[in-house]
Amino acid sequence: MNAPERAERQVSMNHFDLHCDTLGRCLSGRKSILHNDYSLSVERGLLFDKWVQTFAVFVDDDHRGAKAHQRFLAQVGKLKQAMAESDRIVPYDKDNIREGVCNAILAVENGIALGGKLERIAEFAELGVRILTLVWNGENELGGGFESETGLTDFGRKAVRELEKHKIIIDVSHLSRMGFWDLCEVAERPFIASHSNCFEICPHQRNLDDLQIKEIIRRGGLIGLNFFPVFINGESDASFQELRRHIRHIIALGGEDCIAVGSDFDGAAMPTVLSSVEKIPDWHKNLCKHFDDAFVEKITFGNAERFFRENL
């Protein structure tokens, strides 16, 4: 292998993904996250030198109270089961990201999983939750999602303080515009948008407007690029070029150090060019044709690795 080939491999084979919904899909489909035919499985993702994968526990807005909490526990159990069955998936350790395995971060998508109880935040931290998306599309006890005009509730503000106390990273993807700015009044630590794109490029309410992007940048947060075509171009399919437009827009706003990956595998329809985890190296190689290697490493791994090392 010559020097240019080694350089390309070093960039293209490290991968840090802030969001997938594989846990919930495997629970519903009664399949393992180790082996399945969905967009992501552990066995098919073992093609990276270093791979950090966030597995989101998704609880939809129809679940409430004890039912929401049980849905959370069932998916946590799914992840723990995979770790017990295989040494190829291990808990993420910010000080020791292991090569040749899936370094797994546990997240919660929708604070409804708390069932309205602040004390469950300590339980979540004990179970290994490192990221919590405050809301989904509608409203819950914490506040309103993008389909709502509701901001954070009093309970939501208390939850933000408690989450920060336990060093659980707050995720603003899905949060309403009002909720975002309410959060900014309360949050003292950097937060992330784990799987959101740019509203200026694709005017979908799930995407971030320029003021929100600048605020995340100012606070030293992260923005994970979402592969869902509806959030890339508003269509049913999307190209690498169209995804690069979002990257360039964030760069233009000063966000070179906050761009990351938030695929949304198994949570949304994927574009043809990024239909599954096996396609990620193709995307990395495409990025290397348009950006220098050091910057590609930032997008695909380095920015997220630094953020979690500094904030967990």
C-alpha atoms as a PDB file:
ATOM      1  CA  MET A   1       0.000   0.000   0.000  1.00  0.00           C
ATOM      2  CA  ASN A   2       1.588   3.314  -1.057  1.00  0.00           C
ATOM      3  CA  ALA A   3       1.482   6.524   0.978  1.00  0.00           C
ATOM      4  CA  PRO A   4      -1.574   8.114  -0.692  1.00  0.00           C
ATOM      5  CA  GLU A   5      -3.531   4.880  -0.207  1.00  0.00           C
ATOM      6  CA  ARG A   6      -2.581   4.775   3.460  1.00  0.00           C
ATOM      7  CA  ALA A   7      -3.696   8.384   3.912  1.00  0.00           C
ATOM      8  CA  GLU A   8      -7.067   7.672   2.284  1.00  0.00           C
ATOM      9  CA  ARG A   9      -7.601   4.592   4.441  1.00  0.00           C
ATOM     10  CA  GLN A  10      -6.775   6.484   7.635  1.00  0.00           C
ATOM     11  CA  VAL A  11      -9.448   9.080   6.850  1.00  0.00           C
ATOM     12  CA  SER A  12     -12.116   6.831   5.389  1.00  0.00           C
ATOM     13  CA  MET A  13     -12.094   4.118   8.024  1.00  0.00           C
ATOM     14  CA  ASN A  14     -12.819   6.028  11.237  1.00  0.00           C
ATOM     15  CA  HIS A  15     -16.506   6.659  11.866  1.00  0.00           C
ATOM     16  CA  PHE A  16     -18.476   8.324  14.690  1.00  0.00           C
ATOM     17  CA  ASP A  17     -22.268   8.346  14.271  1.00  0.00           C
ATOM     18  CA  LEU A  18     -24.421  10.370  16.683  1.00  0.00           C
ATOM     19  CA  HIS A  19     -27.742   8.697  15.885  1.00  0.00           C
ATOM     20  CA  CYS A  20     -29.393   5.517  14.682  1.00  0.00           C
ATOM     21  CA  ASP A  21     -32.731   3.886  15.549  1.00  0.00           C
ATOM     22  CA  THR A  22     -31.613   0.290  15.154  1.00  0.00           C
ATOM     23  CA  LEU A  23     -32.405  -0.696  18.751  1.00  0.00           C
ATOM     24  CA  GLY A  24     -36.100   0.072  18.450  1.00  0.00           C
ATOM     25  CA  ARG A  25     -36.377  -1.487  15.023  1.00  0.00           C
ATOM     26  CA  CYS A  26     -34.716  -4.675  16.229  1.00  0.00           C
ATOM     27  CA  LEU A  27     -36.969  -4.804  19.273  1.00  0.00           C
ATOM     28  CA  SER A  28     -40.088  -4.486  17.121  1.00  0.00           C
ATOM     29  CA  GLY A  29     -38.764  -6.916  14.498  1.00  0.00           C
ATOM     30  CA  ARG A  30     -37.419  -9.360  17.081  1.00  0.00           C
ATOM     31  CA  LYS A  31     -33.949  -9.250  15.594  1.00  0.00           C
ATOM     32  CA  SER A  32     -30.476  -8.711  17.011  1.00  0.00           C
ATOM     33  CA  ILE A  33     -28.427  -5.567  16.548  1.00  0.00           C
ATOM     34  CA  LEU A  34     -25.524  -7.951  15.958  1.00  0.00           C
ATOM     35  CA  HIS A  35     -27.049  -9.613  12.895  1.00  0.00           C
ATOM     36  CA  ASN A  36     -29.973  -8.231  10.902  1.00  0.00           C
ATOM     37  CA  ASP A  37     -30.904  -7.060   7.418  1.00  0.00           C
ATOM     38  CA  TYR A  38     -31.651  -3.455   8.409  1.00  0.00           C
ATOM     39  CA  SER A  39     -29.534  -0.403   7.564  1.00  0.00           C
ATOM     40  CA  LEU A  40     -27.135  -1.106  10.411  1.00  0.00           C
ATOM     41  CA  SER A  41     -25.865  -4.172  12.201  1.00  0.00           C
ATOM     42  CA  VAL A  42     -22.760  -4.626  14.287  1.00  0.00           C
ATOM     43  CA  GLU A  43     -21.328  -7.364  12.081  1.00  0.00           C
ATOM     44  CA  ARG A  44     -21.676  -5.280   8.907  1.00  0.00           C
ATOM     45  CA  GLY A  45     -20.259  -2.191  10.587  1.00  0.00           C
ATOM     46  CA  LEU A  46     -16.990  -3.841  11.552  1.00  0.00           C
ATOM     47  CA  LEU A  47     -15.230  -2.347   8.543  1.00  0.00           C
ATOM     48  CA  PHE A  48     -13.878   0.717  10.319  1.00  0.00           C
ATOM     49  CA  ASP A  49     -10.591   1.043  12.181  1.00  0.00           C
ATOM     50  CA  LYS A  50     -12.393   3.000  14.910  1.00  0.00           C
ATOM     51  CA  TRP A  51     -16.177   2.989  15.088  1.00  0.00           C
ATOM     52  CA  VAL A  52     -18.320   4.784  17.645  1.00  0.00           C
ATOM     53  CA  GLN A  53     -22.047   4.226  17.194  1.00  0.00           C
ATOM     54  CA  THR A  54     -24.779   5.958  19.174  1.00  0.00           C
ATOM     55  CA  PHE A  55     -27.817   3.723  19.640  1.00  0.00           C
ATOM     56  CA  ALA A  56     -30.910   5.778  20.388  1.00  0.00           C
ATOM     57  CA  VAL A  57     -33.717   4.359  22.504  1.00  0.00           C
ATOM     58  CA  PHE A  58     -36.759   5.743  20.685  1.00  0.00           C
ATOM     59  CA  VAL A  59     -40.047   6.168  22.513  1.00  0.00           C
ATOM     60  CA  ASP A  60     -42.861   7.670  20.446  1.00  0.00           C
ATOM     61  CA  ASP A  61     -45.283  10.330  21.612  1.00  0.00           C
ATOM     62  CA  ASP A  62     -48.105   7.837  22.162  1.00  0.00           C
ATOM     63  CA  HIS A  63     -46.300   6.310  25.126  1.00  0.00           C
ATOM     64  CA  ARG A  64     -46.778   7.908  28.534  1.00  0.00           C
ATOM     65  CA  GLY A  65     -45.795   7.297  32.131  1.00  0.00           C
ATOM     66  CA  ALA A  66     -44.885   3.717  33.022  1.00  0.00           C
ATOM     67  CA  LYS A  67     -45.502   2.548  29.443  1.00  0.00           C
ATOM     68  CA  ALA A  68     -42.866   4.970  28.122  1.00  0.00           C
ATOM     69  CA  HIS A  69     -40.390   3.912  30.783  1.00  0.00           C
ATOM     70  CA  GLN A  70     -40.929   0.213  30.008  1.00  0.00           C
ATOM     71  CA  ARG A  71     -40.310   0.860  26.324  1.00  0.00           C
ATOM     72  CA  PHE A  72     -37.032   2.496  27.310  1.00  0.00           C
ATOM     73  CA  LEU A  73     -35.978  -0.424  29.504  1.00  0.00           C
ATOM     74  CA  ALA A  74     -36.806  -2.982  26.816  1.00  0.00           C
ATOM     75  CA  GLN A  75     -34.450  -1.315  24.344  1.00  0.00           C
ATOM     76  CA  VAL A  76     -31.690  -0.895  26.915  1.00  0.00           C
ATOM     77  CA  GLY A  77     -32.032  -4.626  27.499  1.00  0.00           C
ATOM     78  CA  LYS A  78     -31.605  -5.238  23.786  1.00  0.00           C
ATOM     79  CA  LEU A  79     -28.267  -3.415  23.825  1.00  0.00           C
ATOM     80  CA  LYS A  80     -27.079  -5.136  27.008  1.00  0.00           C
ATOM     81  CA  GLN A  81     -28.003  -8.506  25.502  1.00  0.00           C
ATOM     82  CA  ALA A  82     -25.863  -7.842  22.438  1.00  0.00           C
ATOM     83  CA  MET A  83     -22.905  -6.891  24.615  1.00  0.00           C
ATOM     84  CA  ALA A  84     -23.326 -10.088  26.633  1.00  0.00           C
ATOM     85  CA  GLU A  85     -23.434 -12.211  23.470  1.00  0.00           C
ATOM     86  CA  SER A  86     -20.503 -10.666  21.603  1.00  0.00           C
ATOM     87  CA  ASP A  87     -17.169  -9.047  22.368  1.00  0.00           C
ATOM     88  CA  ARG A  88     -17.464  -7.046  19.130  1.00  0.00           C
ATOM     89  CA  ILE A  89     -19.669  -4.430  20.789  1.00  0.00           C
ATOM     90  CA  VAL A  90     -18.482  -2.648  23.935  1.00  0.00           C
ATOM     91  CA  PRO A  91     -19.567   0.376  25.984  1.00  0.00           C
ATOM     92  CA  TYR A  92     -18.024   3.616  24.754  1.00  0.00           C
ATOM     93  CA  ASP A  93     -15.083   4.792  26.841  1.00  0.00           C
ATOM     94  CA  LYS A  94     -13.987   8.332  25.996  1.00  0.00           C
ATOM     95  CA  ASP A  95     -10.456   7.527  27.155  1.00  0.00           C
ATOM     96  CA  ASN A  96     -10.161   4.248  25.283  1.00  0.00           C
ATOM     97  CA  ILE A  97     -11.912   3.988  21.920  1.00  0.00           C
ATOM     98  CA  ARG A  98     -11.101   0.456  20.866  1.00  0.00           C
ATOM     99  CA  GLU A  99     -10.238  -0.561  17.315  1.00  0.00           C
ATOM    100  CA  GLY A 100     -12.031  -3.327  15.451  1.00  0.00           C
ATOM    101  CA  VAL A 101     -15.198  -3.238  17.584  1.00  0.00           C
ATOM    102  CA  CYS A 102     -18.370  -1.193  17.879  1.00  0.00           C
ATOM    103  CA  ASN A 103     -17.925   1.328  20.686  1.00  0.00           C
ATOM    104  CA  ALA A 104     -21.560   1.898  21.671  1.00  0.00           C
ATOM    105  CA  ILE A 105     -23.064   5.057  23.155  1.00  0.00           C
ATOM    106  CA  LEU A 106     -26.548   4.771  24.653  1.00  0.00           C
ATOM    107  CA  ALA A 107     -28.933   7.658  23.914  1.00  0.00           C
ATOM    108  CA  VAL A 108     -32.614   8.370  24.476  1.00  0.00           C
ATOM    109  CA  GLU A 109     -34.746   9.878  21.718  1.00  0.00           C
ATOM    110  CA  ASN A 110     -37.687  11.587  23.429  1.00  0.00           C
ATOM    111  CA  GLY A 111     -37.641  12.683  27.057  1.00  0.00           C
ATOM    112  CA  ILE A 112     -41.093  11.139  27.349  1.00  0.00           C
ATOM    113  CA  ALA A 113     -39.122   8.058  28.449  1.00  0.00           C
ATOM    114  CA  LEU A 114     -38.677   9.737  31.838  1.00  0.00           C
ATOM    115  CA  GLY A 115     -42.384   9.267  32.442  1.00  0.00           C
ATOM    116  CA  GLY A 116     -42.511  12.721  34.009  1.00  0.00           C
ATOM    117  CA  LYS A 117     -40.127  11.794  36.843  1.00  0.00           C
ATOM    118  CA  LEU A 118     -36.925  13.783  37.398  1.00  0.00           C
ATOM    119  CA  GLU A 119     -35.439  11.028  39.559  1.00  0.00           C
ATOM    120  CA  ARG A 120     -35.255   8.794  36.506  1.00  0.00           C
ATOM    121  CA  ILE A 121     -32.447  10.967  35.112  1.00  0.00           C
ATOM    122  CA  ALA A 122     -30.109   9.517  37.754  1.00  0.00           C
ATOM    123  CA  GLU A 123     -31.327   6.043  36.779  1.00  0.00           C
ATOM    124  CA  PHE A 124     -30.660   6.783  33.104  1.00  0.00           C
ATOM    125  CA  ALA A 125     -27.132   7.932  33.926  1.00  0.00           C
ATOM    126  CA  GLU A 126     -26.518   4.766  35.948  1.00  0.00           C
ATOM    127  CA  LEU A 127     -27.711   2.635  33.008  1.00  0.00           C
ATOM    128  CA  GLY A 128     -25.215   4.386  30.725  1.00  0.00           C
ATOM    129  CA  VAL A 129     -27.326   6.983  28.927  1.00  0.00           C
ATOM    130  CA  ARG A 130     -25.018   9.687  27.582  1.00  0.00           C
ATOM    131  CA  ILE A 131     -27.378  11.697  25.317  1.00  0.00           C
ATOM    132  CA  LEU A 132     -31.043  12.628  25.679  1.00  0.00           C
ATOM    133  CA  THR A 133     -33.197  14.184  22.961  1.00  0.00           C
ATOM    134  CA  LEU A 134     -35.676  16.293  24.898  1.00  0.00           C
ATOM    135  CA  VAL A 135     -38.705  15.740  22.657  1.00  0.00           C
ATOM    136  CA  TRP A 136     -39.862  14.024  19.493  1.00  0.00           C
ATOM    137  CA  ASN A 137     -42.311  15.557  17.028  1.00  0.00           C
ATOM    138  CA  GLY A 138     -45.186  16.447  19.347  1.00  0.00           C
ATOM    139  CA  GLU A 139     -45.365  17.481  22.978  1.00  0.00           C
ATOM    140  CA  ASN A 140     -44.319  15.720  26.164  1.00  0.00           C
ATOM    141  CA  GLU A 141     -43.772  16.686  29.789  1.00  0.00           C
ATOM    142  CA  LEU A 142     -40.562  18.570  28.906  1.00  0.00           C
ATOM    143  CA  GLY A 143     -41.815  20.681  26.024  1.00  0.00           C
ATOM    144  CA  GLY A 144     -42.768  20.725  22.354  1.00  0.00           C
ATOM    145  CA  GLY A 145     -41.310  19.192  19.220  1.00  0.00           C
ATOM    146  CA  PHE A 146     -41.036  20.785  15.795  1.00  0.00           C
ATOM    147  CA  GLU A 147     -44.729  20.145  15.059  1.00  0.00           C
ATOM    148  CA  SER A 148     -45.618  22.242  18.103  1.00  0.00           C
ATOM    149  CA  GLU A 149     -45.361  25.908  19.030  1.00  0.00           C
ATOM    150  CA  THR A 150     -44.700  24.997  22.662  1.00  0.00           C
ATOM    151  CA  GLY A 151     -41.378  25.793  24.321  1.00  0.00           C
ATOM    152  CA  LEU A 152     -39.889  24.155  27.398  1.00  0.00           C
ATOM    153  CA  THR A 153     -42.165  23.531  30.358  1.00  0.00           C
ATOM    154  CA  ASP A 154     -41.135  24.196  33.953  1.00  0.00           C
ATOM    155  CA  PHE A 155     -40.502  20.470  34.245  1.00  0.00           C
ATOM    156  CA  GLY A 156     -38.381  20.649  31.086  1.00  0.00           C
ATOM    157  CA  ARG A 157     -36.226  23.400  32.549  1.00  0.00           C
ATOM    158  CA  LYS A 158     -35.715  21.372  35.719  1.00  0.00           C
ATOM    159  CA  ALA A 159     -34.849  18.346  33.603  1.00  0.00           C
ATOM    160  CA  VAL A 160     -32.200  20.337  31.707  1.00  0.00           C
ATOM    161  CA  ARG A 161     -30.477  21.249  34.967  1.00  0.00           C
ATOM    162  CA  GLU A 162     -30.646  17.666  36.199  1.00  0.00           C
ATOM    163  CA  LEU A 163     -29.356  16.259  32.902  1.00  0.00           C
ATOM    164  CA  GLU A 164     -26.398  18.620  33.006  1.00  0.00           C
ATOM    165  CA  LYS A 165     -25.726  17.667  36.624  1.00  0.00           C
ATOM    166  CA  HIS A 166     -25.388  14.027  35.522  1.00  0.00           C
ATOM    167  CA  LYS A 167     -23.378  14.969  32.409  1.00  0.00           C
ATOM    168  CA  ILE A 168     -26.000  13.628  30.039  1.00  0.00           C
ATOM    169  CA  ILE A 169     -25.623  15.569  26.789  1.00  0.00           C
ATOM    170  CA  ILE A 170     -28.776  17.434  25.749  1.00  0.00           C
ATOM    171  CA  ASP A 171     -29.896  16.900  22.161  1.00  0.00           C
ATOM    172  CA  VAL A 172     -32.042  19.559  20.431  1.00  0.00           C
ATOM    173  CA  SER A 173     -32.962  17.601  17.300  1.00  0.00           C
ATOM    174  CA  HIS A 174     -36.780  17.609  17.013  1.00  0.00           C
ATOM    175  CA  LEU A 175     -37.109  20.517  19.462  1.00  0.00           C
ATOM    176  CA  SER A 176     -39.400  23.448  18.534  1.00  0.00           C
ATOM    177  CA  ARG A 177     -37.843  26.817  17.738  1.00  0.00           C
ATOM    178  CA  MET A 178     -39.276  28.261  20.960  1.00  0.00           C
ATOM    179  CA  GLY A 179     -37.996  25.263  22.915  1.00  0.00           C
ATOM    180  CA  PHE A 180     -34.522  25.761  21.469  1.00  0.00           C
ATOM    181  CA  TRP A 181     -34.287  29.329  22.697  1.00  0.00           C
ATOM    182  CA  ASP A 182     -35.857  28.426  26.036  1.00  0.00           C
ATOM    183  CA  LEU A 183     -33.081  25.857  26.409  1.00  0.00           C
ATOM    184  CA  CYS A 184     -30.468  28.510  25.701  1.00  0.00           C
ATOM    185  CA  GLU A 185     -31.727  30.439  28.723  1.00  0.00           C
ATOM    186  CA  VAL A 186     -31.151  27.443  30.994  1.00  0.00           C
ATOM    187  CA  ALA A 187     -28.295  25.359  29.572  1.00  0.00           C
ATOM    188  CA  GLU A 188     -24.830  25.953  30.964  1.00  0.00           C
ATOM    189  CA  ARG A 189     -23.052  23.161  29.081  1.00  0.00           C
ATOM    190  CA  PRO A 190     -22.668  22.606  25.324  1.00  0.00           C
ATOM    191  CA  PHE A 191     -25.488  20.719  23.631  1.00  0.00           C
ATOM    192  CA  ILE A 192     -25.870  18.942  20.294  1.00  0.00           C
ATOM    193  CA  ALA A 193     -28.277  18.454  17.413  1.00  0.00           C
ATOM    194  CA  SER A 194     -27.577  14.778  16.811  1.00  0.00           C
ATOM    195  CA  HIS A 195     -29.393  14.418  13.472  1.00  0.00           C
ATOM    196  CA  SER A 196     -30.393  17.739  11.892  1.00  0.00           C
ATOM    197  CA  ASN A 197     -29.464  19.606   8.719  1.00  0.00           C
ATOM    198  CA  CYS A 198     -29.612  23.219   7.502  1.00  0.00           C
ATOM    199  CA  PHE A 199     -32.948  24.984   7.022  1.00  0.00           C
ATOM    200  CA  GLU A 200     -31.330  27.497   4.661  1.00  0.00           C
ATOM    201  CA  ILE A 201     -30.458  24.641   2.277  1.00  0.00           C
ATOM    202  CA  CYS A 202     -33.609  22.546   2.836  1.00  0.00           C
ATOM    203  CA  PRO A 203     -36.490  24.452   4.469  1.00  0.00           C
ATOM    204  CA  HIS A 204     -37.939  21.681   6.594  1.00  0.00           C
ATOM    205  CA  GLN A 205     -38.946  22.584  10.157  1.00  0.00           C
ATOM    206  CA  ARG A 206     -36.815  19.705  11.491  1.00  0.00           C
ATOM    207  CA  ASN A 207     -33.719  21.460  10.203  1.00  0.00           C
ATOM    208  CA  LEU A 208     -31.780  24.190  11.999  1.00  0.00           C
ATOM    209  CA  ASP A 209     -31.957  27.813  10.925  1.00  0.00           C
ATOM    210  CA  ASP A 210     -28.811  29.914  10.764  1.00  0.00           C
ATOM    211  CA  LEU A 211     -29.330  31.524  14.162  1.00  0.00           C
ATOM    212  CA  GLN A 212     -29.629  28.103  15.781  1.00  0.00           C
ATOM    213  CA  ILE A 213     -26.545  26.818  13.972  1.00  0.00           C
ATOM    214  CA  LYS A 214     -24.536  29.857  15.058  1.00  0.00           C
ATOM    215  CA  GLU A 215     -25.670  29.375  18.665  1.00  0.00           C
ATOM    216  CA  ILE A 216     -24.611  25.712  18.678  1.00  0.00           C
ATOM    217  CA  ILE A 217     -21.265  26.767  17.214  1.00  0.00           C
ATOM    218  CA  ARG A 218     -20.875  29.536  19.805  1.00  0.00           C
ATOM    219  CA  ARG A 219     -21.483  27.063  22.613  1.00  0.00           C
ATOM    220  CA  GLY A 220     -19.040  24.499  21.235  1.00  0.00           C
ATOM    221  CA  GLY A 221     -21.687  21.918  20.366  1.00  0.00           C
ATOM    222  CA  LEU A 222     -22.145  19.442  17.531  1.00  0.00           C
ATOM    223  CA  ILE A 223     -24.444  19.128  14.518  1.00  0.00           C
ATOM    224  CA  GLY A 224     -24.837  15.608  13.146  1.00  0.00           C
ATOM    225  CA  LEU A 225     -25.626  15.472   9.433  1.00  0.00           C
ATOM    226  CA  ASN A 226     -28.852  13.541   8.813  1.00  0.00           C
ATOM    227  CA  PHE A 227     -28.940  11.268   5.733  1.00  0.00           C
ATOM    228  CA  PHE A 228     -32.755  11.369   5.361  1.00  0.00           C
ATOM    229  CA  PRO A 229     -33.348  12.859   1.868  1.00  0.00           C
ATOM    230  CA  VAL A 230     -36.384  14.847   3.044  1.00  0.00           C
ATOM    231  CA  PHE A 231     -33.997  16.813   5.290  1.00  0.00           C
ATOM    232  CA  ILE A 232     -31.312  17.073   2.592  1.00  0.00           C
ATOM    233  CA  ASN A 233     -33.295  18.273  -0.414  1.00  0.00           C
ATOM    234  CA  GLY A 234     -36.964  17.653   0.334  1.00  0.00           C
ATOM    235  CA  GLU A 235     -37.111  14.725  -2.081  1.00  0.00           C
ATOM    236  CA  SER A 236     -37.189  10.914  -1.827  1.00  0.00           C
ATOM    237  CA  ASP A 237     -33.528  10.482  -2.774  1.00  0.00           C
ATOM    238  CA  ALA A 238     -30.381  12.561  -2.429  1.00  0.00           C
ATOM    239  CA  SER A 239     -26.808  12.678  -3.679  1.00  0.00           C
ATOM    240  CA  PHE A 240     -23.428  13.158  -2.039  1.00  0.00           C
ATOM    241  CA  GLN A 241     -23.270  16.571  -3.696  1.00  0.00           C
ATOM    242  CA  GLU A 242     -26.506  17.672  -2.064  1.00  0.00           C
ATOM    243  CA  LEU A 243     -25.306  16.525   1.348  1.00  0.00           C
ATOM    244  CA  ARG A 244     -22.073  18.447   0.822  1.00  0.00           C
ATOM    245  CA  ARG A 245     -24.104  21.631   0.416  1.00  0.00           C
ATOM    246  CA  HIS A 246     -25.105  21.359   4.075  1.00  0.00           C
ATOM    247  CA  ILE A 247     -21.473  20.846   5.074  1.00  0.00           C
ATOM    248  CA  ARG A 248     -20.358  23.916   3.143  1.00  0.00           C
ATOM    249  CA  HIS A 249     -23.150  26.001   4.634  1.00  0.00           C
ATOM    250  CA  ILE A 250     -22.146  25.127   8.198  1.00  0.00           C
ATOM    251  CA  ILE A 251     -18.515  25.862   7.332  1.00  0.00           C
ATOM    252  CA  ALA A 252     -19.563  29.282   5.992  1.00  0.00           C
ATOM    253  CA  LEU A 253     -21.209  30.006   9.344  1.00  0.00           C
ATOM    254  CA  GLY A 254     -17.968  29.158  11.173  1.00  0.00           C
ATOM    255  CA  GLY A 255     -18.839  25.597  12.132  1.00  0.00           C
ATOM    256  CA  GLU A 256     -15.904  23.585  10.815  1.00  0.00           C
ATOM    257  CA  ASP A 257     -15.301  22.177  14.297  1.00  0.00           C
ATOM    258  CA  CYS A 258     -18.938  21.298  15.050  1.00  0.00           C
ATOM    259  CA  ILE A 259     -19.906  19.174  12.008  1.00  0.00           C
ATOM    260  CA  ALA A 260     -20.414  15.478  12.718  1.00  0.00           C
ATOM    261  CA  VAL A 261     -22.505  12.551  11.472  1.00  0.00           C
ATOM    262  CA  GLY A 262     -26.027  11.656  12.612  1.00  0.00           C
ATOM    263  CA  SER A 263     -27.109   9.143   9.997  1.00  0.00           C
ATOM    264  CA  ASP A 264     -30.625   8.305  11.297  1.00  0.00           C
ATOM    265  CA  PHE A 265     -30.119   4.730  10.081  1.00  0.00           C
ATOM    266  CA  ASP A 266     -33.214   2.598  10.709  1.00  0.00           C
ATOM    267  CA  GLY A 267     -35.184   5.677  11.727  1.00  0.00           C
ATOM    268  CA  ALA A 268     -35.867   7.068   8.257  1.00  0.00           C
ATOM    269  CA  ALA A 269     -35.653   6.145   4.572  1.00  0.00           C
ATOM    270  CA  MET A 270     -32.076   6.464   3.397  1.00  0.00           C
ATOM    271  CA  PRO A 271     -30.734   7.754   0.057  1.00  0.00           C
ATOM    272  CA  THR A 272     -29.547   5.177  -2.463  1.00  0.00           C
ATOM    273  CA  VAL A 273     -25.908   6.205  -2.028  1.00  0.00           C
ATOM    274  CA  LEU A 274     -26.101   5.840   1.778  1.00  0.00           C
ATOM    275  CA  SER A 275     -28.653   3.072   2.206  1.00  0.00           C
ATOM    276  CA  SER A 276     -26.705   1.171   4.861  1.00  0.00           C
ATOM    277  CA  VAL A 277     -23.587   1.202   6.987  1.00  0.00           C
ATOM    278  CA  GLU A 278     -21.581  -0.559   4.243  1.00  0.00           C
ATOM    279  CA  LYS A 279     -21.943   2.581   2.092  1.00  0.00           C
ATOM    280  CA  ILE A 280     -20.246   4.874   4.603  1.00  0.00           C
ATOM    281  CA  PRO A 281     -16.724   4.324   3.162  1.00  0.00           C
ATOM    282  CA  ASP A 282     -18.016   5.459  -0.260  1.00  0.00           C
ATOM    283  CA  TRP A 283     -19.150   8.699   1.329  1.00  0.00           C
ATOM    284  CA  HIS A 284     -15.820   9.175   3.091  1.00  0.00           C
ATOM    285  CA  LYS A 285     -13.976   8.683  -0.211  1.00  0.00           C
ATOM    286  CA  ASN A 286     -16.274  11.192  -1.898  1.00  0.00           C
ATOM    287  CA  LEU A 287     -15.602  13.733   0.838  1.00  0.00           C
ATOM    288  CA  CYS A 288     -11.864  13.295   0.318  1.00  0.00           C
ATOM    289  CA  LYS A 289     -12.287  14.411  -3.297  1.00  0.00           C
ATOM    290  CA  HIS A 290     -13.723  17.748  -2.177  1.00  0.00           C
ATOM    291  CA  PHE A 291     -12.100  18.499   1.198  1.00  0.00           C
ATOM    292  CA  ASP A 292      -8.639  17.932   2.617  1.00  0.00           C
ATOM    293  CA  ASP A 293      -8.027  14.776   4.628  1.00  0.00           C
ATOM    294  CA  ALA A 294      -7.729  16.578   7.970  1.00  0.00           C
ATOM    295  CA  PHE A 295     -11.144  18.167   7.570  1.00  0.00           C
ATOM    296  CA  VAL A 296     -12.767  14.904   6.491  1.00  0.00           C
ATOM    297  CA  GLU A 297     -11.363  13.294   9.623  1.00  0.00           C
ATOM    298  CA  LYS A 298     -12.986  16.067  11.668  1.00  0.00           C
ATOM    299  CA  ILE A 299     -16.415  15.510  10.099  1.00  0.00           C
ATOM    300  CA  THR A 300     -16.382  11.740  10.225  1.00  0.00           C
ATOM    301  CA  PHE A 301     -14.753  11.247  13.613  1.00  0.00           C
ATOM    302  CA  GLY A 302     -12.562  13.921  15.163  1.00  0.00           C
ATOM    303  CA  ASN A 303     -15.091  16.615  16.073  1.00  0.00           C
ATOM    304  CA  ALA A 304     -17.388  14.164  17.834  1.00  0.00           C
ATOM    305  CA  GLU A 305     -14.513  12.342  19.526  1.00  0.00           C
ATOM    306  CA  ARG A 306     -13.175  15.620  20.935  1.00  0.00           C
ATOM    307  CA  PHE A 307     -16.619  16.806  22.054  1.00  0.00           C
ATOM    308  CA  PHE A 308     -17.379  13.666  24.051  1.00  0.00           C
ATOM    309  CA  ARG A 309     -13.891  13.479  25.492  1.00  0.00           C
ATOM    310  CA  GLU A 310     -14.314  17.036  26.799  1.00  0.00           C
ATOM    311  CA  ASN A 311     -17.958  16.888  27.888  1.00  0.00           C
ATOM    312  CA  LEU A 312     -18.611  13.476  29.412  1.00  0.00           C
END
